[in-house]
Amino acid sequence: MATLSRADVEHVAHLARLGLSGDELERLQGQLNHILEQYAKLAELDTDAIAPTAQTIELESILRDDVPRPSLARDEALAGAPETFEGRVVVPAILGGD
């Protein structure tokens, strides 16, 4: 597998808008090449018998079921609003309205 040159790392850093020193570029080049080497080792594995998956762990919902129940009356819900008008909360205009 090809390795990344310093010019490659500088180019990627430029695209990511990273201002890296020479030492940082050198260290990052080594780290990125190590990652690519590890990926090459993984790519050698025979995965034909393994079913494709989008998740590595089982997913389960940690949320409770929605259960309908009575809600606050309008007056109770609006009681904490700093200003109301005709049963609605009044908020400052943000799009140049009057």
C-alpha atoms as a PDB file:
ATOM      1  CA  MET A   1       0.000   0.000   0.000  1.00  0.00           C
ATOM      2  CA  ALA A   2       1.277   3.461  -0.847  1.00  0.00           C
ATOM      3  CA  THR A   3       2.379   5.731   1.953  1.00  0.00           C
ATOM      4  CA  LEU A   4       1.628   9.387   2.401  1.00  0.00           C
ATOM      5  CA  SER A   5       4.427  11.811   1.625  1.00  0.00           C
ATOM      6  CA  ARG A   6       5.005  14.996   3.558  1.00  0.00           C
ATOM      7  CA  ALA A   7       3.525  16.884   0.589  1.00  0.00           C
ATOM      8  CA  ASP A   8       0.351  14.774   0.891  1.00  0.00           C
ATOM      9  CA  VAL A   9       0.045  15.608   4.584  1.00  0.00           C
ATOM     10  CA  GLU A  10       0.700  19.310   3.918  1.00  0.00           C
ATOM     11  CA  HIS A  11      -2.002  19.276   1.234  1.00  0.00           C
ATOM     12  CA  VAL A  12      -4.563  17.651   3.536  1.00  0.00           C
ATOM     13  CA  ALA A  13      -3.642  20.073   6.341  1.00  0.00           C
ATOM     14  CA  HIS A  14      -4.132  22.978   3.922  1.00  0.00           C
ATOM     15  CA  LEU A  15      -7.542  21.655   2.846  1.00  0.00           C
ATOM     16  CA  ALA A  16      -8.539  21.318   6.502  1.00  0.00           C
ATOM     17  CA  ARG A  17      -7.270  24.846   7.162  1.00  0.00           C
ATOM     18  CA  LEU A  18      -4.764  23.554   9.745  1.00  0.00           C
ATOM     19  CA  GLY A  19      -1.643  25.561  10.413  1.00  0.00           C
ATOM     20  CA  LEU A  20       0.836  22.849  11.398  1.00  0.00           C
ATOM     21  CA  SER A  21       4.506  23.224  12.279  1.00  0.00           C
ATOM     22  CA  GLY A  22       7.183  21.072  10.668  1.00  0.00           C
ATOM     23  CA  ASP A  23       7.322  18.812  13.720  1.00  0.00           C
ATOM     24  CA  GLU A  24       3.545  18.409  13.708  1.00  0.00           C
ATOM     25  CA  LEU A  25       3.550  17.549  10.008  1.00  0.00           C
ATOM     26  CA  GLU A  26       6.256  14.952  10.535  1.00  0.00           C
ATOM     27  CA  ARG A  27       4.439  13.384  13.502  1.00  0.00           C
ATOM     28  CA  LEU A  28       1.121  13.407  11.643  1.00  0.00           C
ATOM     29  CA  GLN A  29       2.716  11.817   8.588  1.00  0.00           C
ATOM     30  CA  GLY A  30       3.951   8.942  10.738  1.00  0.00           C
ATOM     31  CA  GLN A  31       0.597   8.535  12.470  1.00  0.00           C
ATOM     32  CA  LEU A  32      -1.390   8.582   9.235  1.00  0.00           C
ATOM     33  CA  ASN A  33       0.948   6.078   7.585  1.00  0.00           C
ATOM     34  CA  HIS A  34       0.591   3.803  10.624  1.00  0.00           C
ATOM     35  CA  ILE A  35      -3.204   3.988  10.272  1.00  0.00           C
ATOM     36  CA  LEU A  36      -2.936   3.087   6.583  1.00  0.00           C
ATOM     37  CA  GLU A  37      -0.686   0.119   7.414  1.00  0.00           C
ATOM     38  CA  GLN A  38      -3.216  -1.146   9.953  1.00  0.00           C
ATOM     39  CA  TYR A  39      -6.006  -0.745   7.416  1.00  0.00           C
ATOM     40  CA  ALA A  40      -3.994  -2.761   4.882  1.00  0.00           C
ATOM     41  CA  LYS A  41      -3.714  -5.580   7.431  1.00  0.00           C
ATOM     42  CA  LEU A  42      -7.464  -5.511   8.011  1.00  0.00           C
ATOM     43  CA  ALA A  43      -8.113  -5.501   4.263  1.00  0.00           C
ATOM     44  CA  GLU A  44      -6.308  -8.868   4.029  1.00  0.00           C
ATOM     45  CA  LEU A  45      -8.965 -10.566   6.175  1.00  0.00           C
ATOM     46  CA  ASP A  46     -11.468 -12.870   4.496  1.00  0.00           C
ATOM     47  CA  THR A  47     -14.836 -11.301   5.252  1.00  0.00           C
ATOM     48  CA  ASP A  48     -16.927 -13.175   2.668  1.00  0.00           C
ATOM     49  CA  ALA A  49     -18.741 -15.170   5.364  1.00  0.00           C
ATOM     50  CA  ILE A  50     -19.566 -12.080   7.432  1.00  0.00           C
ATOM     51  CA  ALA A  51     -22.873 -10.378   6.754  1.00  0.00           C
ATOM     52  CA  PRO A  52     -22.702  -6.641   6.063  1.00  0.00           C
ATOM     53  CA  THR A  53     -23.796  -4.452   8.938  1.00  0.00           C
ATOM     54  CA  ALA A  54     -24.154  -0.773   9.625  1.00  0.00           C
ATOM     55  CA  GLN A  55     -23.822  -1.191  13.394  1.00  0.00           C
ATOM     56  CA  THR A  56     -21.216  -3.048  15.403  1.00  0.00           C
ATOM     57  CA  ILE A  57     -23.422  -3.357  18.463  1.00  0.00           C
ATOM     58  CA  GLU A  58     -27.090  -4.171  18.872  1.00  0.00           C
ATOM     59  CA  LEU A  59     -29.300  -1.129  18.979  1.00  0.00           C
ATOM     60  CA  GLU A  60     -32.132  -0.767  21.420  1.00  0.00           C
ATOM     61  CA  SER A  61     -34.262   2.176  22.264  1.00  0.00           C
ATOM     62  CA  ILE A  62     -33.495   3.664  25.654  1.00  0.00           C
ATOM     63  CA  LEU A  63     -36.497   5.963  25.453  1.00  0.00           C
ATOM     64  CA  ARG A  64     -39.730   5.241  27.214  1.00  0.00           C
ATOM     65  CA  ASP A  65     -42.865   4.535  25.221  1.00  0.00           C
ATOM     66  CA  ASP A  66     -45.049   7.526  24.467  1.00  0.00           C
ATOM     67  CA  VAL A  67     -48.142   7.343  26.613  1.00  0.00           C
ATOM     68  CA  PRO A  68     -50.946   9.863  26.091  1.00  0.00           C
ATOM     69  CA  ARG A  69     -51.894  11.710  29.247  1.00  0.00           C
ATOM     70  CA  PRO A  70     -53.523  15.002  30.150  1.00  0.00           C
ATOM     71  CA  SER A  71     -51.384  18.064  29.532  1.00  0.00           C
ATOM     72  CA  LEU A  72     -51.366  21.474  31.157  1.00  0.00           C
ATOM     73  CA  ALA A  73     -54.288  23.771  30.652  1.00  0.00           C
ATOM     74  CA  ARG A  74     -53.498  26.726  28.394  1.00  0.00           C
ATOM     75  CA  ASP A  75     -53.519  29.192  31.291  1.00  0.00           C
ATOM     76  CA  GLU A  76     -51.097  27.025  33.285  1.00  0.00           C
ATOM     77  CA  ALA A  77     -48.742  26.670  30.299  1.00  0.00           C
ATOM     78  CA  LEU A  78     -48.762  30.419  29.639  1.00  0.00           C
ATOM     79  CA  ALA A  79     -48.375  31.380  33.296  1.00  0.00           C
ATOM     80  CA  GLY A  80     -44.570  31.471  33.052  1.00  0.00           C
ATOM     81  CA  ALA A  81     -44.442  33.459  29.805  1.00  0.00           C
ATOM     82  CA  PRO A  82     -43.245  37.050  30.204  1.00  0.00           C
ATOM     83  CA  GLU A  83     -45.890  38.299  27.758  1.00  0.00           C
ATOM     84  CA  THR A  84     -48.960  36.749  26.132  1.00  0.00           C
ATOM     85  CA  PHE A  85     -51.589  37.872  23.630  1.00  0.00           C
ATOM     86  CA  GLU A  86     -54.812  36.002  22.813  1.00  0.00           C
ATOM     87  CA  GLY A  87     -53.569  32.736  24.307  1.00  0.00           C
ATOM     88  CA  ARG A  88     -50.143  32.844  22.675  1.00  0.00           C
ATOM     89  CA  VAL A  89     -46.630  33.661  23.856  1.00  0.00           C
ATOM     90  CA  VAL A  90     -45.337  36.994  22.540  1.00  0.00           C
ATOM     91  CA  VAL A  91     -41.711  36.911  21.365  1.00  0.00           C
ATOM     92  CA  PRO A  92     -39.508  39.591  19.785  1.00  0.00           C
ATOM     93  CA  ALA A  93     -39.561  39.798  15.999  1.00  0.00           C
ATOM     94  CA  ILE A  94     -36.383  38.454  14.397  1.00  0.00           C
ATOM     95  CA  LEU A  95     -37.121  38.954  10.699  1.00  0.00           C
ATOM     96  CA  GLY A  96     -37.749  42.681  10.584  1.00  0.00           C
ATOM     97  CA  GLY A  97     -41.434  42.460  11.513  1.00  0.00           C
ATOM     98  CA  ASP A  98     -43.252  45.242  13.348  1.00  0.00           C
END
